[in-house]
Amino acid sequence: MDNDASWPAPLLQDRGQAGRPKSLGVRVHGDAGEAEFVLYAGGWADVLVLHPGIDELASEYVELNDVEEFGSVLDRIVGLLV
């Protein structure tokens, strides 16, 4: 999303369309499932995990003190998908 867009801000597929990015989405696929991460400029991330054969999504909200903490969230969740 673009921080400068009026509400409701459209979700953009091309990061280059955002003049001032508000969020960044990442999708990761592995043998044990897939996960979607959304990192927000406000200092939090939303995580959704789907495992094959399980109909329910697991979700997590993570507050971050700095962007480096997002790396450990990625590592932890991706480790569940391998």
PDB file of N, CA and C in Angstrom:
ATOM      1  N   MET A   1       0.843  -1.174   0.000  1.00  0.00           N
ATOM      2  CA  MET A   1       0.000   0.000   0.000  1.00  0.00           C
ATOM      3  C   MET A   1       0.887   1.235   0.000  1.00  0.00           C
ATOM      4  N   ASP A   2       0.331   2.308  -0.457  1.00  0.00           N
ATOM      5  CA  ASP A   2       1.042   3.584  -0.503  1.00  0.00           C
ATOM      6  C   ASP A   2       0.559   4.452   0.650  1.00  0.00           C
ATOM      7  N   ASN A   3       1.474   4.946   1.478  1.00  0.00           N
ATOM      8  CA  ASN A   3       1.115   5.807   2.606  1.00  0.00           C
ATOM      9  C   ASN A   3       0.424   7.086   2.154  1.00  0.00           C
ATOM     10  N   ASP A   4       0.673   7.525   0.945  1.00  0.00           N
ATOM     11  CA  ASP A   4       0.091   8.778   0.460  1.00  0.00           C
ATOM     12  C   ASP A   4      -1.268   8.592  -0.207  1.00  0.00           C
ATOM     13  N   ALA A   5      -1.732   7.353  -0.374  1.00  0.00           N
ATOM     14  CA  ALA A   5      -3.024   7.093  -1.023  1.00  0.00           C
ATOM     15  C   ALA A   5      -4.160   7.377  -0.043  1.00  0.00           C
ATOM     16  N   SER A   6      -5.288   7.847  -0.581  1.00  0.00           N
ATOM     17  CA  SER A   6      -6.451   8.084   0.269  1.00  0.00           C
ATOM     18  C   SER A   6      -7.081   6.749   0.656  1.00  0.00           C
ATOM     19  N   TRP A   7      -7.811   6.762   1.768  1.00  0.00           N
ATOM     20  CA  TRP A   7      -8.442   5.546   2.293  1.00  0.00           C
ATOM     21  C   TRP A   7      -9.749   5.288   1.588  1.00  0.00           C
ATOM     22  N   PRO A   8     -10.079   4.064   1.257  1.00  0.00           N
ATOM     23  CA  PRO A   8      -9.270   2.867   1.466  1.00  0.00           C
ATOM     24  C   PRO A   8      -8.168   2.763   0.415  1.00  0.00           C
ATOM     25  N   ALA A   9      -6.965   2.578   0.882  1.00  0.00           N
ATOM     26  CA  ALA A   9      -5.811   2.505  -0.015  1.00  0.00           C
ATOM     27  C   ALA A   9      -5.849   1.204  -0.804  1.00  0.00           C
ATOM     28  N   PRO A  10      -5.666   1.271  -2.119  1.00  0.00           N
ATOM     29  CA  PRO A  10      -5.663   0.035  -2.910  1.00  0.00           C
ATOM     30  C   PRO A  10      -4.407  -0.788  -2.648  1.00  0.00           C
ATOM     31  N   LEU A  11      -4.550  -2.104  -2.752  1.00  0.00           N
ATOM     32  CA  LEU A  11      -3.398  -2.991  -2.651  1.00  0.00           C
ATOM     33  C   LEU A  11      -2.715  -3.030  -4.010  1.00  0.00           C
ATOM     34  N   LEU A  12      -1.444  -2.807  -4.041  1.00  0.00           N
ATOM     35  CA  LEU A  12      -0.688  -2.724  -5.289  1.00  0.00           C
ATOM     36  C   LEU A  12       0.109  -4.003  -5.508  1.00  0.00           C
ATOM     37  N   GLN A  13       0.150  -4.471  -6.733  1.00  0.00           N
ATOM     38  CA  GLN A  13       0.941  -5.649  -7.085  1.00  0.00           C
ATOM     39  C   GLN A  13       2.387  -5.275  -7.396  1.00  0.00           C
ATOM     40  N   ASP A  14       2.590  -4.074  -7.888  1.00  0.00           N
ATOM     41  CA  ASP A  14       3.918  -3.606  -8.294  1.00  0.00           C
ATOM     42  C   ASP A  14       4.398  -2.569  -7.283  1.00  0.00           C
ATOM     43  N   ARG A  15       5.429  -2.911  -6.526  1.00  0.00           N
ATOM     44  CA  ARG A  15       5.932  -1.999  -5.492  1.00  0.00           C
ATOM     45  C   ARG A  15       6.329  -0.647  -6.076  1.00  0.00           C
ATOM     46  N   GLY A  16       6.712  -0.616  -7.340  1.00  0.00           N
ATOM     47  CA  GLY A  16       7.094   0.630  -7.990  1.00  0.00           C
ATOM     48  C   GLY A  16       5.957   1.620  -8.123  1.00  0.00           C
ATOM     49  N   GLN A  17       4.718   1.154  -7.963  1.00  0.00           N
ATOM     50  CA  GLN A  17       3.561   2.048  -8.032  1.00  0.00           C
ATOM     51  C   GLN A  17       3.363   2.842  -6.740  1.00  0.00           C
ATOM     52  N   ALA A  18       4.000   2.447  -5.674  1.00  0.00           N
ATOM     53  CA  ALA A  18       3.854   3.122  -4.386  1.00  0.00           C
ATOM     54  C   ALA A  18       4.924   4.193  -4.246  1.00  0.00           C
ATOM     55  N   GLY A  19       4.487   5.447  -4.148  1.00  0.00           N
ATOM     56  CA  GLY A  19       5.439   6.538  -3.954  1.00  0.00           C
ATOM     57  C   GLY A  19       6.084   6.485  -2.579  1.00  0.00           C
ATOM     58  N   ARG A  20       5.291   6.140  -1.572  1.00  0.00           N
ATOM     59  CA  ARG A  20       5.770   6.022  -0.194  1.00  0.00           C
ATOM     60  C   ARG A  20       5.178   4.742   0.391  1.00  0.00           C
ATOM     61  N   PRO A  21       5.880   3.616   0.246  1.00  0.00           N
ATOM     62  CA  PRO A  21       5.326   2.325   0.660  1.00  0.00           C
ATOM     63  C   PRO A  21       4.925   2.287   2.132  1.00  0.00           C
ATOM     64  N   LYS A  22       3.753   1.696   2.390  1.00  0.00           N
ATOM     65  CA  LYS A  22       3.250   1.505   3.742  1.00  0.00           C
ATOM     66  C   LYS A  22       3.427   0.062   4.181  1.00  0.00           C
ATOM     67  N   SER A  23       3.427  -0.842   3.224  1.00  0.00           N
ATOM     68  CA  SER A  23       3.558  -2.258   3.559  1.00  0.00           C
ATOM     69  C   SER A  23       4.250  -2.995   2.430  1.00  0.00           C
ATOM     70  N   LEU A  24       4.748  -4.164   2.775  1.00  0.00           N
ATOM     71  CA  LEU A  24       5.410  -5.025   1.804  1.00  0.00           C
ATOM     72  C   LEU A  24       4.955  -6.445   2.074  1.00  0.00           C
ATOM     73  N   GLY A  25       4.493  -7.130   1.040  1.00  0.00           N
ATOM     74  CA  GLY A  25       4.029  -8.508   1.184  1.00  0.00           C
ATOM     75  C   GLY A  25       5.022  -9.489   0.609  1.00  0.00           C
ATOM     76  N   VAL A  26       5.139 -10.644   1.277  1.00  0.00           N
ATOM     77  CA  VAL A  26       6.029 -11.719   0.839  1.00  0.00           C
ATOM     78  C   VAL A  26       5.262 -13.035   0.947  1.00  0.00           C
ATOM     79  N   ARG A  27       5.341 -13.871  -0.078  1.00  0.00           N
ATOM     80  CA  ARG A  27       4.728 -15.203  -0.047  1.00  0.00           C
ATOM     81  C   ARG A  27       5.844 -16.226  -0.208  1.00  0.00           C
ATOM     82  N   VAL A  28       5.827 -17.250   0.679  1.00  0.00           N
ATOM     83  CA  VAL A  28       6.853 -18.290   0.673  1.00  0.00           C
ATOM     84  C   VAL A  28       6.163 -19.648   0.583  1.00  0.00           C
ATOM     85  N   HIS A  29       6.642 -20.492  -0.350  1.00  0.00           N
ATOM     86  CA  HIS A  29       6.115 -21.850  -0.521  1.00  0.00           C
ATOM     87  C   HIS A  29       7.178 -22.853  -0.105  1.00  0.00           C
ATOM     88  N   GLY A  30       6.749 -23.911   0.568  1.00  0.00           N
ATOM     89  CA  GLY A  30       7.654 -24.983   0.952  1.00  0.00           C
ATOM     90  C   GLY A  30       6.935 -26.317   0.881  1.00  0.00           C
ATOM     91  N   ASP A  31       7.644 -27.407   1.126  1.00  0.00           N
ATOM     92  CA  ASP A  31       7.049 -28.740   1.086  1.00  0.00           C
ATOM     93  C   ASP A  31       5.929 -28.911   2.103  1.00  0.00           C
ATOM     94  N   ALA A  32       6.023 -28.224   3.245  1.00  0.00           N
ATOM     95  CA  ALA A  32       5.049 -28.396   4.326  1.00  0.00           C
ATOM     96  C   ALA A  32       3.966 -27.322   4.337  1.00  0.00           C
ATOM     97  N   GLY A  33       3.900 -26.488   3.288  1.00  0.00           N
ATOM     98  CA  GLY A  33       2.847 -25.483   3.232  1.00  0.00           C
ATOM     99  C   GLY A  33       3.325 -24.180   2.635  1.00  0.00           C
ATOM    100  N   GLU A  34       2.557 -23.128   2.909  1.00  0.00           N
ATOM    101  CA  GLU A  34       2.938 -21.805   2.425  1.00  0.00           C
ATOM    102  C   GLU A  34       2.607 -20.768   3.481  1.00  0.00           C
ATOM    103  N   ALA A  35       3.289 -19.633   3.388  1.00  0.00           N
ATOM    104  CA  ALA A  35       3.072 -18.544   4.332  1.00  0.00           C
ATOM    105  C   ALA A  35       3.040 -17.229   3.578  1.00  0.00           C
ATOM    106  N   GLU A  36       2.247 -16.319   4.107  1.00  0.00           N
ATOM    107  CA  GLU A  36       2.201 -14.957   3.589  1.00  0.00           C
ATOM    108  C   GLU A  36       2.548 -14.013   4.738  1.00  0.00           C
ATOM    109  N   PHE A  37       3.433 -13.077   4.456  1.00  0.00           N
ATOM    110  CA  PHE A  37       3.871 -12.091   5.430  1.00  0.00           C
ATOM    111  C   PHE A  37       3.518 -10.716   4.892  1.00  0.00           C
ATOM    112  N   VAL A  38       3.038  -9.835   5.759  1.00  0.00           N
ATOM    113  CA  VAL A  38       2.871  -8.430   5.397  1.00  0.00           C
ATOM    114  C   VAL A  38       3.582  -7.626   6.474  1.00  0.00           C
ATOM    115  N   LEU A  39       4.600  -6.892   6.058  1.00  0.00           N
ATOM    116  CA  LEU A  39       5.383  -6.043   6.946  1.00  0.00           C
ATOM    117  C   LEU A  39       4.894  -4.608   6.770  1.00  0.00           C
ATOM    118  N   TYR A  40       4.470  -3.979   7.864  1.00  0.00           N
ATOM    119  CA  TYR A  40       3.920  -2.623   7.816  1.00  0.00           C
ATOM    120  C   TYR A  40       4.927  -1.610   8.339  1.00  0.00           C
ATOM    121  N   ALA A  41       4.936  -0.429   7.731  1.00  0.00           N
ATOM    122  CA  ALA A  41       5.848   0.639   8.130  1.00  0.00           C
ATOM    123  C   ALA A  41       5.612   1.072   9.572  1.00  0.00           C
ATOM    124  N   GLY A  42       4.419   0.813  10.106  1.00  0.00           N
ATOM    125  CA  GLY A  42       4.107   1.203  11.476  1.00  0.00           C
ATOM    126  C   GLY A  42       4.766   0.348  12.541  1.00  0.00           C
ATOM    127  N   GLY A  43       5.460  -0.719  12.149  1.00  0.00           N
ATOM    128  CA  GLY A  43       6.204  -1.520  13.113  1.00  0.00           C
ATOM    129  C   GLY A  43       5.547  -2.822  13.501  1.00  0.00           C
ATOM    130  N   TRP A  44       4.798  -3.421  12.612  1.00  0.00           N
ATOM    131  CA  TRP A  44       4.222  -4.732  12.905  1.00  0.00           C
ATOM    132  C   TRP A  44       4.176  -5.559  11.637  1.00  0.00           C
ATOM    133  N   ALA A  45       3.890  -6.857  11.809  1.00  0.00           N
ATOM    134  CA  ALA A  45       3.754  -7.762  10.673  1.00  0.00           C
ATOM    135  C   ALA A  45       2.578  -8.696  10.939  1.00  0.00           C
ATOM    136  N   ASP A  46       1.887  -9.044   9.879  1.00  0.00           N
ATOM    137  CA  ASP A  46       0.850 -10.072   9.912  1.00  0.00           C
ATOM    138  C   ASP A  46       1.393 -11.285   9.174  1.00  0.00           C
ATOM    139  N   VAL A  47       1.166 -12.475   9.728  1.00  0.00           N
ATOM    140  CA  VAL A  47       1.649 -13.715   9.130  1.00  0.00           C
ATOM    141  C   VAL A  47       0.483 -14.694   9.028  1.00  0.00           C
ATOM    142  N   LEU A  48       0.313 -15.298   7.860  1.00  0.00           N
ATOM    143  CA  LEU A  48      -0.668 -16.369   7.649  1.00  0.00           C
ATOM    144  C   LEU A  48       0.083 -17.597   7.177  1.00  0.00           C
ATOM    145  N   VAL A  49      -0.264 -18.764   7.743  1.00  0.00           N
ATOM    146  CA  VAL A  49       0.386 -20.017   7.360  1.00  0.00           C
ATOM    147  C   VAL A  49      -0.696 -21.034   7.024  1.00  0.00           C
ATOM    148  N   LEU A  50      -0.526 -21.707   5.890  1.00  0.00           N
ATOM    149  CA  LEU A  50      -1.444 -22.756   5.469  1.00  0.00           C
ATOM    150  C   LEU A  50      -0.651 -24.029   5.238  1.00  0.00           C
ATOM    151  N   HIS A  51      -1.032 -25.087   5.950  1.00  0.00           N
ATOM    152  CA  HIS A  51      -0.408 -26.399   5.772  1.00  0.00           C
ATOM    153  C   HIS A  51      -1.351 -27.270   4.940  1.00  0.00           C
ATOM    154  N   PRO A  52      -0.827 -28.036   3.988  1.00  0.00           N
ATOM    155  CA  PRO A  52      -1.683 -28.916   3.185  1.00  0.00           C
ATOM    156  C   PRO A  52      -2.470 -29.875   4.077  1.00  0.00           C
ATOM    157  N   GLY A  53      -3.726 -30.097   3.724  1.00  0.00           N
ATOM    158  CA  GLY A  53      -4.565 -31.018   4.470  1.00  0.00           C
ATOM    159  C   GLY A  53      -5.220 -30.423   5.703  1.00  0.00           C
ATOM    160  N   ILE A  54      -4.856 -29.192   6.045  1.00  0.00           N
ATOM    161  CA  ILE A  54      -5.474 -28.500   7.184  1.00  0.00           C
ATOM    162  C   ILE A  54      -6.258 -27.328   6.612  1.00  0.00           C
ATOM    163  N   ASP A  55      -7.549 -27.301   6.880  1.00  0.00           N
ATOM    164  CA  ASP A  55      -8.421 -26.299   6.274  1.00  0.00           C
ATOM    165  C   ASP A  55      -8.337 -24.926   6.940  1.00  0.00           C
ATOM    166  N   GLU A  56      -7.731 -24.850   8.097  1.00  0.00           N
ATOM    167  CA  GLU A  56      -7.712 -23.603   8.841  1.00  0.00           C
ATOM    168  C   GLU A  56      -6.348 -22.914   8.707  1.00  0.00           C
ATOM    169  N   LEU A  57      -6.385 -21.605   8.464  1.00  0.00           N
ATOM    170  CA  LEU A  57      -5.161 -20.815   8.420  1.00  0.00           C
ATOM    171  C   LEU A  57      -4.687 -20.515   9.833  1.00  0.00           C
ATOM    172  N   ALA A  58      -3.397 -20.595  10.048  1.00  0.00           N
ATOM    173  CA  ALA A  58      -2.812 -20.124  11.300  1.00  0.00           C
ATOM    174  C   ALA A  58      -2.373 -18.689  11.059  1.00  0.00           C
ATOM    175  N   SER A  59      -2.704 -17.802  11.981  1.00  0.00           N
ATOM    176  CA  SER A  59      -2.330 -16.395  11.798  1.00  0.00           C
ATOM    177  C   SER A  59      -1.586 -15.894  13.023  1.00  0.00           C
ATOM    178  N   GLU A  60      -0.757 -14.905  12.779  1.00  0.00           N
ATOM    179  CA  GLU A  60       0.034 -14.324  13.863  1.00  0.00           C
ATOM    180  C   GLU A  60       0.223 -12.841  13.584  1.00  0.00           C
ATOM    181  N   TYR A  61       0.120 -12.051  14.643  1.00  0.00           N
ATOM    182  CA  TYR A  61       0.401 -10.620  14.605  1.00  0.00           C
ATOM    183  C   TYR A  61       1.671 -10.417  15.420  1.00  0.00           C
ATOM    184  N   VAL A  62       2.659  -9.744  14.851  1.00  0.00           N
ATOM    185  CA  VAL A  62       3.945  -9.575  15.518  1.00  0.00           C
ATOM    186  C   VAL A  62       4.294  -8.098  15.556  1.00  0.00           C
ATOM    187  N   GLU A  63       4.530  -7.572  16.765  1.00  0.00           N
ATOM    188  CA  GLU A  63       5.013  -6.198  16.895  1.00  0.00           C
ATOM    189  C   GLU A  63       6.531  -6.219  16.826  1.00  0.00           C
ATOM    190  N   LEU A  64       7.087  -5.272  16.082  1.00  0.00           N
ATOM    191  CA  LEU A  64       8.528  -5.237  15.839  1.00  0.00           C
ATOM    192  C   LEU A  64       9.113  -3.928  16.352  1.00  0.00           C
ATOM    193  N   ASN A  65      10.265  -4.013  17.004  1.00  0.00           N
ATOM    194  CA  ASN A  65      10.963  -2.804  17.454  1.00  0.00           C
ATOM    195  C   ASN A  65      11.794  -2.198  16.338  1.00  0.00           C
ATOM    196  N   ASP A  66      12.277  -3.041  15.436  1.00  0.00           N
ATOM    197  CA  ASP A  66      13.035  -2.563  14.278  1.00  0.00           C
ATOM    198  C   ASP A  66      12.923  -3.591  13.161  1.00  0.00           C
ATOM    199  N   VAL A  67      13.314  -3.204  11.975  1.00  0.00           N
ATOM    200  CA  VAL A  67      13.129  -4.054  10.804  1.00  0.00           C
ATOM    201  C   VAL A  67      13.967  -5.331  10.879  1.00  0.00           C
ATOM    202  N   GLU A  68      15.079  -5.299  11.611  1.00  0.00           N
ATOM    203  CA  GLU A  68      15.924  -6.492  11.727  1.00  0.00           C
ATOM    204  C   GLU A  68      15.178  -7.643  12.399  1.00  0.00           C
ATOM    205  N   GLU A  69      14.223  -7.341  13.279  1.00  0.00           N
ATOM    206  CA  GLU A  69      13.453  -8.388  13.940  1.00  0.00           C
ATOM    207  C   GLU A  69      12.583  -9.162  12.952  1.00  0.00           C
ATOM    208  N   PHE A  70      12.263  -8.570  11.817  1.00  0.00           N
ATOM    209  CA  PHE A  70      11.455  -9.259  10.823  1.00  0.00           C
ATOM    210  C   PHE A  70      12.199 -10.473  10.266  1.00  0.00           C
ATOM    211  N   GLY A  71      13.508 -10.395  10.183  1.00  0.00           N
ATOM    212  CA  GLY A  71      14.307 -11.519   9.702  1.00  0.00           C
ATOM    213  C   GLY A  71      14.125 -12.762  10.558  1.00  0.00           C
ATOM    214  N   SER A  72      14.078 -12.586  11.877  1.00  0.00           N
ATOM    215  CA  SER A  72      13.892 -13.747  12.748  1.00  0.00           C
ATOM    216  C   SER A  72      12.485 -14.319  12.620  1.00  0.00           C
ATOM    217  N   VAL A  73      11.486 -13.470  12.361  1.00  0.00           N
ATOM    218  CA  VAL A  73      10.124 -13.958  12.113  1.00  0.00           C
ATOM    219  C   VAL A  73      10.109 -14.789  10.840  1.00  0.00           C
ATOM    220  N   LEU A  74      10.725 -14.283   9.770  1.00  0.00           N
ATOM    221  CA  LEU A  74      10.818 -15.021   8.513  1.00  0.00           C
ATOM    222  C   LEU A  74      11.497 -16.368   8.716  1.00  0.00           C
ATOM    223  N   ASP A  75      12.647 -16.357   9.397  1.00  0.00           N
ATOM    224  CA  ASP A  75      13.392 -17.595   9.616  1.00  0.00           C
ATOM    225  C   ASP A  75      12.558 -18.622  10.380  1.00  0.00           C
ATOM    226  N   ARG A  76      11.855 -18.180  11.425  1.00  0.00           N
ATOM    227  CA  ARG A  76      11.068 -19.094  12.243  1.00  0.00           C
ATOM    228  C   ARG A  76       9.927 -19.730  11.452  1.00  0.00           C
ATOM    229  N   ILE A  77       9.202 -18.914  10.697  1.00  0.00           N
ATOM    230  CA  ILE A  77       8.046 -19.432   9.956  1.00  0.00           C
ATOM    231  C   ILE A  77       8.507 -20.279   8.759  1.00  0.00           C
ATOM    232  N   VAL A  78       9.511 -19.829   8.033  1.00  0.00           N
ATOM    233  CA  VAL A  78      10.020 -20.594   6.902  1.00  0.00           C
ATOM    234  C   VAL A  78      10.546 -21.938   7.379  1.00  0.00           C
ATOM    235  N   GLY A  79      11.123 -21.997   8.569  1.00  0.00           N
ATOM    236  CA  GLY A  79      11.589 -23.261   9.130  1.00  0.00           C
ATOM    237  C   GLY A  79      10.460 -24.273   9.318  1.00  0.00           C
ATOM    238  N   LEU A  80       9.232 -23.795   9.503  1.00  0.00           N
ATOM    239  CA  LEU A  80       8.080 -24.687   9.628  1.00  0.00           C
ATOM    240  C   LEU A  80       7.623 -25.263   8.291  1.00  0.00           C
ATOM    241  N   LEU A  81       8.066 -24.635   7.195  1.00  0.00           N
ATOM    242  CA  LEU A  81       7.598 -25.018   5.862  1.00  0.00           C
ATOM    243  C   LEU A  81       8.534 -25.985   5.157  1.00  0.00           C
ATOM    244  N   VAL A  82       9.707 -26.200   5.689  1.00  0.00           N
ATOM    245  CA  VAL A  82      10.714 -27.030   5.042  1.00  0.00           C
ATOM    246  C   VAL A  82      10.453 -28.500   5.295  1.00  0.00           C
TER     247      VAL A  82
END
